[in-house]
N, C-alpha and C. Protein backbone atom coordinates (compact mmCIF):
# COMPACT_ATOMS: atom_id res chain seq x y z
N UNK A 1 -9.81 -63.21 -46.88
CA UNK A 1 -10.22 -62.06 -46.86
C UNK A 1 -11.19 -61.72 -45.69
N UNK A 2 -11.04 -60.54 -45.33
CA UNK A 2 -11.63 -60.13 -44.50
C UNK A 2 -12.92 -59.71 -44.19
N UNK A 3 -13.61 -60.67 -42.87
CA UNK A 3 -15.05 -60.82 -42.94
C UNK A 3 -15.46 -61.89 -43.50
N UNK A 4 -15.06 -62.52 -44.37
CA UNK A 4 -15.40 -63.84 -45.19
C UNK A 4 -15.13 -64.93 -44.95
N UNK A 5 -15.91 -65.91 -45.30
CA UNK A 5 -15.61 -67.30 -44.72
C UNK A 5 -15.23 -68.43 -46.15
N UNK A 6 -13.82 -68.90 -46.49
CA UNK A 6 -13.71 -69.53 -47.91
C UNK A 6 -14.75 -70.10 -47.55
N UNK A 7 -15.13 -70.92 -49.26
CA UNK A 7 -15.93 -72.11 -49.26
C UNK A 7 -15.44 -72.28 -50.96
N UNK A 8 -15.39 -73.64 -51.05
CA UNK A 8 -15.41 -73.60 -52.63
C UNK A 8 -17.00 -74.13 -53.34
N UNK A 9 -17.15 -73.16 -53.99
CA UNK A 9 -18.35 -73.16 -54.28
C UNK A 9 -18.60 -74.68 -54.98
N UNK A 10 -17.84 -75.14 -55.49
CA UNK A 10 -18.27 -76.41 -56.73
C UNK A 10 -19.07 -77.15 -55.93
N UNK A 11 -18.69 -77.37 -54.51
CA UNK A 11 -19.64 -78.47 -53.65
C UNK A 11 -20.21 -77.77 -52.58
N UNK A 12 -19.97 -76.45 -52.24
CA UNK A 12 -20.60 -75.69 -50.89
C UNK A 12 -20.26 -76.67 -49.72
N UNK A 13 -19.43 -77.54 -49.63
CA UNK A 13 -18.85 -77.86 -48.51
C UNK A 13 -17.90 -77.69 -47.88
N UNK A 14 -17.90 -77.25 -46.43
CA UNK A 14 -17.22 -76.14 -45.61
C UNK A 14 -15.57 -77.14 -45.60
N UNK A 15 -14.53 -76.09 -45.72
CA UNK A 15 -13.04 -77.17 -45.84
C UNK A 15 -12.69 -76.80 -44.52
N UNK A 16 -11.33 -76.88 -44.59
CA UNK A 16 -10.32 -76.48 -43.27
C UNK A 16 -10.14 -75.20 -43.37
N UNK A 17 -9.87 -74.68 -44.43
CA UNK A 17 -9.89 -73.17 -44.73
C UNK A 17 -11.29 -72.55 -44.36
N UNK A 18 -12.37 -72.82 -44.80
CA UNK A 18 -13.50 -72.29 -43.92
C UNK A 18 -13.48 -72.21 -42.27
N UNK A 19 -13.18 -73.74 -41.73
CA UNK A 19 -13.59 -73.87 -40.69
C UNK A 19 -12.40 -72.41 -39.75
N UNK A 20 -11.19 -72.47 -40.70
CA UNK A 20 -9.78 -71.54 -40.00
C UNK A 20 -10.59 -70.32 -39.92
N UNK A 21 -11.30 -69.81 -41.37
CA UNK A 21 -12.01 -68.59 -41.39
C UNK A 21 -12.98 -68.00 -40.57
N UNK A 22 -13.81 -69.68 -40.00
CA UNK A 22 -14.81 -69.35 -38.69
C UNK A 22 -14.05 -68.98 -37.39
N UNK A 23 -12.91 -69.83 -37.10
CA UNK A 23 -12.63 -69.57 -36.44
C UNK A 23 -11.56 -68.26 -36.32
N UNK A 24 -11.16 -68.10 -36.76
CA UNK A 24 -10.31 -66.40 -37.16
C UNK A 24 -11.43 -65.46 -36.94
N UNK A 25 -12.76 -65.35 -36.91
CA UNK A 25 -13.69 -64.62 -37.24
C UNK A 25 -14.79 -64.70 -35.62
N UNK A 26 -13.95 -65.83 -34.81
CA UNK A 26 -15.06 -65.92 -33.42
C UNK A 26 -16.43 -66.58 -33.91
N UNK A 27 -16.63 -67.35 -34.89
CA UNK A 27 -17.86 -67.56 -35.40
C UNK A 27 -17.84 -69.76 -35.15
N UNK A 28 -19.42 -69.75 -34.31
CA UNK A 28 -19.12 -71.31 -34.41
C UNK A 28 -20.43 -71.70 -35.43
N UNK A 29 -19.95 -72.58 -36.20
CA UNK A 29 -21.36 -72.87 -37.09
C UNK A 29 -22.21 -73.42 -36.66
N UNK A 30 -23.66 -73.34 -37.04
CA UNK A 30 -25.24 -73.80 -36.52
C UNK A 30 -25.95 -73.43 -37.82
N UNK A 31 -27.11 -74.21 -37.71
CA UNK A 31 -27.76 -74.28 -38.76
C UNK A 31 -28.39 -73.22 -38.81
N UNK A 32 -28.44 -72.48 -40.17
CA UNK A 32 -29.44 -71.18 -40.28
C UNK A 32 -28.28 -70.20 -40.06
N UNK A 33 -27.58 -70.00 -40.38
CA UNK A 33 -26.52 -69.10 -39.86
C UNK A 33 -26.28 -68.63 -41.27
N UNK A 34 -26.23 -67.38 -41.32
CA UNK A 34 -25.83 -66.39 -42.48
C UNK A 34 -24.71 -65.84 -42.49
N UNK A 35 -24.51 -66.03 -43.89
CA UNK A 35 -22.63 -65.67 -43.93
C UNK A 35 -21.88 -65.21 -45.16
N UNK A 36 -21.29 -64.31 -45.29
CA UNK A 36 -20.44 -64.08 -46.66
C UNK A 36 -19.55 -65.17 -46.93
N UNK A 37 -19.40 -65.40 -48.04
CA UNK A 37 -18.53 -66.70 -48.49
C UNK A 37 -17.77 -65.87 -50.07
N UNK A 38 -16.61 -66.31 -49.89
CA UNK A 38 -15.57 -66.09 -51.02
C UNK A 38 -15.01 -67.31 -51.54
N UNK A 39 -14.79 -67.59 -52.78
CA UNK A 39 -13.74 -68.27 -53.42
C UNK A 39 -12.34 -67.58 -54.51
N UNK A 40 -11.44 -68.48 -54.29
CA UNK A 40 -10.30 -67.55 -55.00
C UNK A 40 -10.91 -67.86 -56.74
N UNK A 41 -10.56 -66.74 -57.73
CA UNK A 41 -10.78 -66.79 -58.74
C UNK A 41 -10.20 -65.63 -59.56
N UNK A 42 -10.32 -65.79 -60.66
CA UNK A 42 -9.98 -64.63 -61.73
C UNK A 42 -10.44 -64.48 -62.76
N UNK A 43 -10.29 -62.89 -63.57
CA UNK A 43 -11.03 -62.47 -64.65
C UNK A 43 -10.47 -63.15 -65.56
N UNK A 44 -11.09 -62.56 -67.28
CA UNK A 44 -10.59 -63.18 -68.64
C UNK A 44 -9.55 -62.79 -68.78
N UNK A 45 -8.69 -61.82 -67.97
CA UNK A 45 -7.11 -61.14 -68.43
C UNK A 45 -6.23 -61.94 -67.38
N UNK A 46 -6.56 -63.03 -66.37
CA UNK A 46 -6.06 -63.72 -65.30
C UNK A 46 -5.79 -62.50 -64.17
N UNK A 47 -6.56 -61.59 -64.03
CA UNK A 47 -5.87 -61.02 -62.93
C UNK A 47 -6.92 -61.59 -61.63
N UNK A 48 -6.45 -61.77 -60.42
CA UNK A 48 -6.96 -62.59 -59.42
C UNK A 48 -7.93 -61.93 -58.88
N UNK A 49 -9.25 -62.55 -58.31
CA UNK A 49 -10.24 -61.68 -57.98
C UNK A 49 -11.12 -62.81 -56.74
N UNK A 50 -11.80 -62.29 -55.89
CA UNK A 50 -12.41 -63.02 -55.29
C UNK A 50 -14.04 -63.44 -55.81
N UNK A 51 -14.75 -64.19 -55.95
CA UNK A 51 -15.58 -64.70 -56.36
C UNK A 51 -16.46 -64.69 -55.15
N UNK A 52 -17.60 -64.07 -55.05
CA UNK A 52 -18.07 -64.05 -53.64
C UNK A 52 -20.13 -63.99 -53.61
N UNK A 53 -20.38 -64.69 -52.47
CA UNK A 53 -21.71 -64.56 -52.63
C UNK A 53 -22.29 -64.86 -50.89
N UNK A 54 -23.41 -64.95 -50.78
CA UNK A 54 -24.01 -64.92 -49.04
C UNK A 54 -24.85 -66.27 -49.39
N UNK A 55 -24.49 -67.32 -47.95
CA UNK A 55 -25.55 -68.59 -47.78
C UNK A 55 -25.48 -68.68 -46.23
N UNK A 56 -26.21 -69.82 -46.48
CA UNK A 56 -26.85 -70.06 -45.15
C UNK A 56 -26.29 -71.55 -44.90
N UNK A 57 -25.51 -71.73 -43.71
CA UNK A 57 -25.27 -72.72 -42.89
C UNK A 57 -26.12 -74.19 -42.63
N UNK A 58 -25.62 -75.27 -43.28
CA UNK A 58 -26.91 -76.39 -42.74
C UNK A 58 -25.67 -77.53 -42.51
N UNK A 59 -26.27 -78.62 -41.76
CA UNK A 59 -25.41 -79.81 -41.59
C UNK A 59 -26.39 -80.92 -42.08
N UNK A 60 -25.76 -81.73 -43.02
CA UNK A 60 -25.96 -82.79 -44.08
C UNK A 60 -26.00 -83.91 -43.06
N UNK A 61 -26.98 -84.89 -43.14
CA UNK A 61 -27.03 -85.91 -42.46
C UNK A 61 -25.61 -86.93 -41.72
N UNK A 62 -24.68 -86.38 -42.91
CA UNK A 62 -23.24 -87.35 -42.96
C UNK A 62 -22.85 -86.30 -41.73
N UNK A 63 -23.06 -85.22 -40.78
CA UNK A 63 -22.40 -84.37 -40.01
C UNK A 63 -21.63 -83.24 -40.70
N UNK A 64 -21.37 -83.36 -41.93
CA UNK A 64 -20.58 -82.15 -42.28
C UNK A 64 -21.35 -81.10 -42.91
N UNK A 65 -20.90 -79.75 -42.20
CA UNK A 65 -21.44 -78.48 -42.79
C UNK A 65 -21.30 -78.58 -44.33
N UNK A 66 -22.30 -77.40 -44.75
CA UNK A 66 -22.36 -77.14 -46.17
C UNK A 66 -23.05 -75.49 -45.95
N UNK A 67 -23.15 -75.20 -46.92
CA UNK A 67 -23.58 -73.82 -47.15
C UNK A 67 -24.57 -73.92 -48.51
N UNK A 68 -25.86 -73.45 -48.05
CA UNK A 68 -27.30 -72.81 -49.25
C UNK A 68 -26.65 -71.28 -49.97
N UNK A 69 -25.88 -71.43 -50.73
CA UNK A 69 -25.90 -70.29 -51.95
C UNK A 69 -26.92 -69.53 -52.21
N UNK A 70 -27.02 -68.51 -52.03
CA UNK A 70 -28.48 -67.51 -52.87
C UNK A 70 -27.50 -67.06 -54.45
N UNK A 71 -27.67 -67.65 -54.94
CA UNK A 71 -27.65 -67.66 -56.41
C UNK A 71 -27.33 -66.05 -56.89
N UNK A 72 -28.30 -65.28 -56.48
CA UNK A 72 -28.89 -64.04 -57.16
C UNK A 72 -27.55 -63.19 -56.59
N UNK A 73 -26.74 -63.84 -55.18
CA UNK A 73 -25.87 -62.62 -54.77
C UNK A 73 -24.56 -62.84 -55.12
N UNK A 74 -23.84 -63.97 -55.93
CA UNK A 74 -22.64 -63.98 -56.61
C UNK A 74 -22.06 -62.62 -57.12
N UNK A 75 -21.36 -62.08 -56.91
CA UNK A 75 -20.26 -60.80 -57.69
C UNK A 75 -18.54 -61.07 -57.11
N UNK A 76 -18.00 -60.31 -57.55
CA UNK A 76 -16.70 -60.34 -57.86
C UNK A 76 -15.79 -58.97 -57.18
N UNK A 77 -15.19 -59.13 -56.56
CA UNK A 77 -14.41 -58.23 -55.78
C UNK A 77 -12.85 -58.50 -56.25
N UNK A 78 -11.91 -57.61 -57.20
CA UNK A 78 -10.72 -57.81 -57.25
C UNK A 78 -9.57 -58.04 -55.86
N UNK A 79 -8.82 -58.72 -56.12
CA UNK A 79 -8.34 -59.27 -54.76
C UNK A 79 -7.57 -58.05 -54.03
N UNK A 80 -6.71 -57.14 -54.86
CA UNK A 80 -6.19 -55.67 -54.40
C UNK A 80 -7.04 -54.87 -53.57
N UNK A 81 -8.35 -54.62 -54.35
CA UNK A 81 -9.44 -54.07 -53.48
C UNK A 81 -9.90 -54.03 -52.13
N UNK A 82 -9.57 -55.96 -51.91
CA UNK A 82 -9.99 -56.44 -50.63
C UNK A 82 -9.41 -56.72 -49.46
N UNK A 83 -7.68 -56.35 -49.71
CA UNK A 83 -6.81 -56.40 -48.88
C UNK A 83 -6.41 -55.29 -48.49
């Protein structure tokens, strides 16, 4: 999805897909960086959607990047509208 960074919202850990999106966008992860995140989802009829939210990056003591998600920012975008 253009302009967004993939994130599995289940654990908010940045994955290879997240880092690929960051590289594509020319963004280096850093503490406190605010980003728009997305995950793959579907509506009740099985139509593909993106689940989107805003979040802020932080690094855990294990050295892995995570995102603190603003729970009030969750919204859906139909995949056909975002491509």
